[in-house]
Amino acid sequence: QVQLVESGGGLVQPGGSLRLSCAASENIFNMYNMGWYRQAPGKQRELVATLSTGGSTNYADSVKGRFTISRDNAKNTVYLQMNTLKPEDTAVYYCNAAHRYLQVYYWGQGTQVTVSS
């Protein structure tokens, strides 16, 4: 059972930055595509960014040019660098691991990001 633990959320002013971290309990990056999702109050969970096992990235249009997903293989950790934050980025952010071949998924517990003045 893979465990994912997010951290780094908090309260930030509009225009500010945060870096989210997602620590995996084991080395899974060669078999799992990683992703960040978010869910705002009253809305469905939506994809923010993905990072494939091969290193390809994909971003939601709403965050392109502002957010960057990356990973540190030695630390079994995936990051989401969020710059130029907007109030509409306020949500609970979840880390996801999706097996590249099997229908196996893992989720973290989520971390709250609030963008407000």
N, C-alpha and C. Protein backbone atom coordinates (compact mmCIF):
# COMPACT_ATOMS: atom_id res chain seq x y z
N GLN A 1 0.85 -1.18 0.00
CA GLN A 1 0.00 0.00 0.00
C GLN A 1 0.90 1.24 0.00
N VAL A 2 0.77 2.04 -1.04
CA VAL A 2 1.55 3.27 -1.13
C VAL A 2 0.85 4.37 -0.33
N GLN A 3 1.60 5.10 0.43
CA GLN A 3 1.06 6.25 1.16
C GLN A 3 1.63 7.53 0.59
N LEU A 4 0.75 8.51 0.44
CA LEU A 4 1.15 9.82 -0.06
C LEU A 4 0.81 10.86 1.00
N VAL A 5 1.76 11.69 1.34
CA VAL A 5 1.55 12.71 2.37
C VAL A 5 1.89 14.07 1.80
N GLU A 6 0.86 14.93 1.73
CA GLU A 6 1.07 16.29 1.22
C GLU A 6 1.42 17.24 2.36
N SER A 7 2.11 18.29 1.99
CA SER A 7 2.42 19.36 2.94
C SER A 7 2.69 20.63 2.15
N GLY A 8 2.73 21.75 2.87
CA GLY A 8 3.09 23.01 2.23
C GLY A 8 1.95 23.97 1.99
N GLY A 9 0.73 23.56 2.28
CA GLY A 9 -0.39 24.46 2.08
C GLY A 9 -0.40 25.56 3.13
N GLY A 10 -1.32 26.52 2.93
CA GLY A 10 -1.42 27.61 3.88
C GLY A 10 -2.17 28.78 3.30
N LEU A 11 -2.07 29.89 4.00
CA LEU A 11 -2.72 31.14 3.59
C LEU A 11 -1.67 32.03 2.94
N VAL A 12 -2.00 32.55 1.77
CA VAL A 12 -1.07 33.42 1.05
C VAL A 12 -1.87 34.54 0.38
N GLN A 13 -1.25 35.67 0.22
CA GLN A 13 -1.91 36.79 -0.43
C GLN A 13 -1.89 36.61 -1.95
N PRO A 14 -2.85 37.23 -2.62
CA PRO A 14 -2.84 37.19 -4.10
C PRO A 14 -1.49 37.67 -4.64
N GLY A 15 -0.99 36.95 -5.64
CA GLY A 15 0.31 37.28 -6.20
C GLY A 15 1.46 36.55 -5.54
N GLY A 16 1.18 35.90 -4.44
CA GLY A 16 2.22 35.19 -3.70
C GLY A 16 2.50 33.81 -4.26
N SER A 17 3.38 33.08 -3.57
CA SER A 17 3.81 31.75 -4.01
C SER A 17 3.74 30.75 -2.86
N LEU A 18 3.55 29.51 -3.23
CA LEU A 18 3.63 28.39 -2.30
C LEU A 18 4.23 27.20 -3.04
N ARG A 19 4.89 26.33 -2.29
CA ARG A 19 5.35 25.07 -2.86
C ARG A 19 4.75 23.92 -2.07
N LEU A 20 3.98 23.10 -2.75
CA LEU A 20 3.41 21.91 -2.14
C LEU A 20 4.35 20.72 -2.35
N SER A 21 4.38 19.85 -1.36
CA SER A 21 5.18 18.63 -1.45
C SER A 21 4.29 17.42 -1.26
N CYS A 22 4.64 16.34 -1.92
CA CYS A 22 3.93 15.07 -1.79
C CYS A 22 4.98 13.98 -1.63
N ALA A 23 5.09 13.47 -0.42
CA ALA A 23 6.09 12.44 -0.13
C ALA A 23 5.46 11.06 -0.24
N ALA A 24 6.05 10.22 -1.07
CA ALA A 24 5.57 8.84 -1.23
C ALA A 24 6.32 7.92 -0.26
N SER A 25 5.64 6.87 0.18
CA SER A 25 6.22 5.97 1.18
C SER A 25 7.28 5.05 0.59
N GLU A 26 7.34 5.01 -0.75
CA GLU A 26 8.35 4.20 -1.40
C GLU A 26 8.64 4.77 -2.78
N ASN A 27 9.65 4.23 -3.44
CA ASN A 27 10.04 4.73 -4.75
C ASN A 27 9.08 4.19 -5.80
N ILE A 28 8.22 5.06 -6.30
CA ILE A 28 7.17 4.61 -7.23
C ILE A 28 7.22 5.32 -8.57
N PHE A 29 8.11 6.27 -8.73
CA PHE A 29 8.06 7.14 -9.89
C PHE A 29 8.34 6.42 -11.21
N ASN A 30 8.94 5.25 -11.16
CA ASN A 30 9.18 4.54 -12.42
C ASN A 30 7.95 3.77 -12.87
N MET A 31 6.96 3.60 -12.01
CA MET A 31 5.76 2.84 -12.35
C MET A 31 4.47 3.65 -12.23
N TYR A 32 4.53 4.81 -11.58
CA TYR A 32 3.33 5.60 -11.36
C TYR A 32 3.48 6.99 -11.96
N ASN A 33 2.46 7.39 -12.72
CA ASN A 33 2.34 8.78 -13.13
C ASN A 33 1.81 9.57 -11.95
N MET A 34 2.37 10.73 -11.71
CA MET A 34 1.99 11.53 -10.55
C MET A 34 1.18 12.74 -10.98
N GLY A 35 0.30 13.16 -10.08
CA GLY A 35 -0.52 14.31 -10.42
C GLY A 35 -0.94 15.09 -9.20
N TRP A 36 -1.29 16.34 -9.44
CA TRP A 36 -1.91 17.19 -8.43
C TRP A 36 -3.31 17.54 -8.92
N TYR A 37 -4.27 17.43 -8.01
CA TYR A 37 -5.65 17.79 -8.25
C TYR A 37 -6.06 18.78 -7.18
N ARG A 38 -7.17 19.46 -7.42
CA ARG A 38 -7.69 20.36 -6.40
C ARG A 38 -9.20 20.34 -6.40
N GLN A 39 -9.75 20.67 -5.24
CA GLN A 39 -11.20 20.72 -5.10
C GLN A 39 -11.57 21.93 -4.27
N ALA A 40 -12.30 22.83 -4.90
CA ALA A 40 -12.79 24.02 -4.22
C ALA A 40 -14.17 23.72 -3.63
N PRO A 41 -14.60 24.47 -2.61
CA PRO A 41 -15.91 24.23 -2.00
C PRO A 41 -17.02 24.28 -3.03
N GLY A 42 -17.86 23.25 -3.04
CA GLY A 42 -19.00 23.21 -3.94
C GLY A 42 -18.66 22.85 -5.37
N LYS A 43 -17.40 22.50 -5.63
CA LYS A 43 -16.99 22.17 -6.99
C LYS A 43 -16.43 20.76 -7.06
N GLN A 44 -16.35 20.23 -8.26
CA GLN A 44 -15.77 18.91 -8.45
C GLN A 44 -14.24 18.99 -8.41
N ARG A 45 -13.65 17.87 -8.06
CA ARG A 45 -12.19 17.80 -8.08
C ARG A 45 -11.71 17.93 -9.52
N GLU A 46 -10.66 18.72 -9.72
CA GLU A 46 -10.16 18.95 -11.06
C GLU A 46 -8.66 18.73 -11.13
N LEU A 47 -8.22 18.35 -12.32
CA LEU A 47 -6.80 18.14 -12.56
C LEU A 47 -6.07 19.47 -12.59
N VAL A 48 -4.92 19.51 -11.94
CA VAL A 48 -4.09 20.71 -11.96
C VAL A 48 -2.85 20.46 -12.83
N ALA A 49 -2.14 19.37 -12.55
CA ALA A 49 -0.90 19.09 -13.28
C ALA A 49 -0.56 17.61 -13.15
N THR A 50 0.09 17.09 -14.18
CA THR A 50 0.55 15.70 -14.14
C THR A 50 2.01 15.60 -14.56
N LEU A 51 2.66 14.56 -14.08
CA LEU A 51 4.05 14.28 -14.40
C LEU A 51 4.17 12.79 -14.66
N SER A 52 4.49 12.43 -15.90
CA SER A 52 4.53 11.02 -16.26
C SER A 52 5.82 10.37 -15.77
N THR A 53 5.83 9.04 -15.85
CA THR A 53 7.05 8.33 -15.47
C THR A 53 8.22 8.75 -16.34
N GLY A 54 7.94 9.13 -17.59
CA GLY A 54 8.99 9.54 -18.50
C GLY A 54 9.40 10.99 -18.37
N GLY A 55 8.67 11.74 -17.52
CA GLY A 55 9.05 13.13 -17.29
C GLY A 55 8.21 14.15 -18.03
N SER A 56 7.22 13.70 -18.79
CA SER A 56 6.34 14.64 -19.49
C SER A 56 5.38 15.30 -18.51
N THR A 57 5.10 16.56 -18.76
CA THR A 57 4.20 17.30 -17.88
C THR A 57 2.97 17.78 -18.65
N ASN A 58 1.90 17.99 -17.89
CA ASN A 58 0.66 18.50 -18.47
C ASN A 58 0.01 19.38 -17.42
N TYR A 59 -0.58 20.49 -17.86
CA TYR A 59 -1.17 21.45 -16.93
C TYR A 59 -2.57 21.85 -17.37
N ALA A 60 -3.41 22.14 -16.40
CA ALA A 60 -4.69 22.75 -16.69
C ALA A 60 -4.44 24.14 -17.27
N ASP A 61 -5.31 24.56 -18.18
CA ASP A 61 -5.13 25.88 -18.80
C ASP A 61 -5.08 27.00 -17.77
N SER A 62 -5.83 26.82 -16.69
CA SER A 62 -5.94 27.88 -15.69
C SER A 62 -4.65 28.10 -14.90
N VAL A 63 -3.71 27.15 -14.96
CA VAL A 63 -2.48 27.28 -14.19
C VAL A 63 -1.23 27.32 -15.05
N LYS A 64 -1.39 27.17 -16.35
CA LYS A 64 -0.22 27.18 -17.24
C LYS A 64 0.55 28.49 -17.11
N GLY A 65 1.86 28.34 -17.01
CA GLY A 65 2.72 29.51 -16.86
C GLY A 65 2.87 29.99 -15.43
N ARG A 66 2.07 29.46 -14.52
CA ARG A 66 2.14 29.86 -13.11
C ARG A 66 2.58 28.72 -12.20
N PHE A 67 2.17 27.50 -12.52
CA PHE A 67 2.47 26.33 -11.69
C PHE A 67 3.48 25.44 -12.40
N THR A 68 4.30 24.76 -11.60
CA THR A 68 5.28 23.82 -12.14
C THR A 68 5.30 22.56 -11.29
N ILE A 69 5.13 21.41 -11.93
CA ILE A 69 5.23 20.14 -11.24
C ILE A 69 6.62 19.56 -11.48
N SER A 70 7.18 18.97 -10.42
CA SER A 70 8.50 18.38 -10.55
C SER A 70 8.63 17.26 -9.52
N ARG A 71 9.74 16.53 -9.59
CA ARG A 71 9.93 15.45 -8.62
C ARG A 71 11.41 15.33 -8.27
N ASP A 72 11.64 14.77 -7.09
CA ASP A 72 12.98 14.45 -6.62
C ASP A 72 12.99 12.95 -6.36
N ASN A 73 13.60 12.20 -7.26
CA ASN A 73 13.58 10.74 -7.14
C ASN A 73 14.26 10.26 -5.86
N ALA A 74 15.32 10.94 -5.46
CA ALA A 74 16.05 10.52 -4.27
C ALA A 74 15.23 10.67 -3.00
N LYS A 75 14.30 11.61 -3.02
CA LYS A 75 13.47 11.87 -1.85
C LYS A 75 12.06 11.30 -1.99
N ASN A 76 11.78 10.63 -3.10
CA ASN A 76 10.43 10.08 -3.35
C ASN A 76 9.37 11.16 -3.18
N THR A 77 9.64 12.34 -3.67
CA THR A 77 8.77 13.48 -3.43
C THR A 77 8.45 14.20 -4.73
N VAL A 78 7.20 14.56 -4.86
CA VAL A 78 6.71 15.37 -5.98
C VAL A 78 6.35 16.74 -5.45
N TYR A 79 6.63 17.75 -6.24
CA TYR A 79 6.37 19.13 -5.83
C TYR A 79 5.40 19.81 -6.79
N LEU A 80 4.73 20.81 -6.27
CA LEU A 80 3.95 21.71 -7.10
C LEU A 80 4.33 23.13 -6.68
N GLN A 81 5.10 23.78 -7.52
CA GLN A 81 5.46 25.17 -7.28
C GLN A 81 4.36 26.06 -7.86
N MET A 82 3.77 26.88 -7.01
CA MET A 82 2.65 27.71 -7.42
C MET A 82 3.04 29.17 -7.26
N ASN A 83 3.07 29.88 -8.37
CA ASN A 83 3.42 31.30 -8.37
C ASN A 83 2.24 32.14 -8.84
N THR A 84 2.32 33.41 -8.56
CA THR A 84 1.27 34.36 -8.96
C THR A 84 -0.11 33.81 -8.61
N LEU A 85 -0.26 33.44 -7.38
CA LEU A 85 -1.51 32.82 -6.94
C LEU A 85 -2.67 33.80 -6.99
N LYS A 86 -3.84 33.25 -7.29
CA LYS A 86 -5.07 34.03 -7.41
C LYS A 86 -6.09 33.49 -6.41
N PRO A 87 -7.07 34.30 -6.04
CA PRO A 87 -8.11 33.81 -5.12
C PRO A 87 -8.80 32.55 -5.64
N GLU A 88 -8.94 32.44 -6.96
CA GLU A 88 -9.60 31.26 -7.52
C GLU A 88 -8.76 29.99 -7.44
N ASP A 89 -7.52 30.10 -6.99
CA ASP A 89 -6.69 28.93 -6.74
C ASP A 89 -6.99 28.31 -5.37
N THR A 90 -7.81 28.97 -4.59
CA THR A 90 -8.15 28.46 -3.27
C THR A 90 -8.87 27.12 -3.39
N ALA A 91 -8.34 26.12 -2.70
CA ALA A 91 -8.89 24.77 -2.79
C ALA A 91 -8.09 23.84 -1.87
N VAL A 92 -8.60 22.64 -1.71
CA VAL A 92 -7.80 21.58 -1.12
C VAL A 92 -7.06 20.89 -2.26
N TYR A 93 -5.76 20.78 -2.12
CA TYR A 93 -4.93 20.18 -3.16
C TYR A 93 -4.56 18.76 -2.77
N TYR A 94 -4.74 17.85 -3.72
CA TYR A 94 -4.50 16.43 -3.49
C TYR A 94 -3.42 15.91 -4.42
N CYS A 95 -2.59 15.06 -3.88
CA CYS A 95 -1.58 14.36 -4.66
C CYS A 95 -2.15 13.01 -5.09
N ASN A 96 -1.83 12.61 -6.31
CA ASN A 96 -2.35 11.36 -6.87
C ASN A 96 -1.22 10.57 -7.53
N ALA A 97 -1.28 9.25 -7.35
CA ALA A 97 -0.37 8.35 -8.05
C ALA A 97 -1.20 7.35 -8.84
N ALA A 98 -0.96 7.27 -10.14
CA ALA A 98 -1.73 6.38 -11.02
C ALA A 98 -0.77 5.40 -11.70
N HIS A 99 -0.99 4.11 -11.48
CA HIS A 99 -0.12 3.10 -12.09
C HIS A 99 -0.18 3.23 -13.61
N ARG A 100 0.96 3.14 -14.24
CA ARG A 100 1.01 3.37 -15.68
C ARG A 100 0.35 2.26 -16.48
N TYR A 101 0.14 1.08 -15.89
CA TYR A 101 -0.48 -0.03 -16.63
C TYR A 101 -1.77 -0.52 -15.99
N LEU A 102 -1.84 -0.51 -14.67
CA LEU A 102 -2.97 -1.08 -13.96
C LEU A 102 -3.92 0.02 -13.50
N GLN A 103 -5.15 -0.36 -13.19
CA GLN A 103 -6.12 0.58 -12.65
C GLN A 103 -5.93 0.67 -11.14
N VAL A 104 -4.79 1.18 -10.77
CA VAL A 104 -4.44 1.33 -9.37
C VAL A 104 -4.11 2.78 -9.11
N TYR A 105 -4.79 3.35 -8.12
CA TYR A 105 -4.61 4.76 -7.79
C TYR A 105 -4.44 4.94 -6.30
N TYR A 106 -3.66 5.93 -5.95
CA TYR A 106 -3.51 6.32 -4.56
C TYR A 106 -3.70 7.83 -4.44
N TRP A 107 -4.25 8.24 -3.31
CA TRP A 107 -4.48 9.66 -3.04
C TRP A 107 -3.88 10.02 -1.69
N GLY A 108 -3.43 11.25 -1.62
CA GLY A 108 -3.03 11.80 -0.34
C GLY A 108 -4.24 12.34 0.39
N GLN A 109 -4.01 12.87 1.59
CA GLN A 109 -5.11 13.35 2.42
C GLN A 109 -5.52 14.78 2.08
N GLY A 110 -4.72 15.46 1.31
CA GLY A 110 -5.03 16.82 0.90
C GLY A 110 -4.40 17.87 1.79
N THR A 111 -4.13 19.03 1.19
CA THR A 111 -3.60 20.17 1.93
C THR A 111 -4.33 21.43 1.46
N GLN A 112 -4.74 22.25 2.41
CA GLN A 112 -5.54 23.43 2.10
C GLN A 112 -4.66 24.58 1.62
N VAL A 113 -5.06 25.18 0.52
CA VAL A 113 -4.42 26.40 0.02
C VAL A 113 -5.49 27.48 -0.03
N THR A 114 -5.23 28.58 0.65
CA THR A 114 -6.15 29.70 0.66
C THR A 114 -5.43 30.95 0.19
N VAL A 115 -5.98 31.56 -0.86
CA VAL A 115 -5.38 32.78 -1.42
C VAL A 115 -6.35 33.93 -1.13
N SER A 116 -5.93 34.79 -0.24
CA SER A 116 -6.81 35.87 0.20
C SER A 116 -6.00 37.01 0.79
N SER A 117 -6.52 38.22 0.61
CA SER A 117 -5.87 39.39 1.21
C SER A 117 -6.49 39.70 2.56
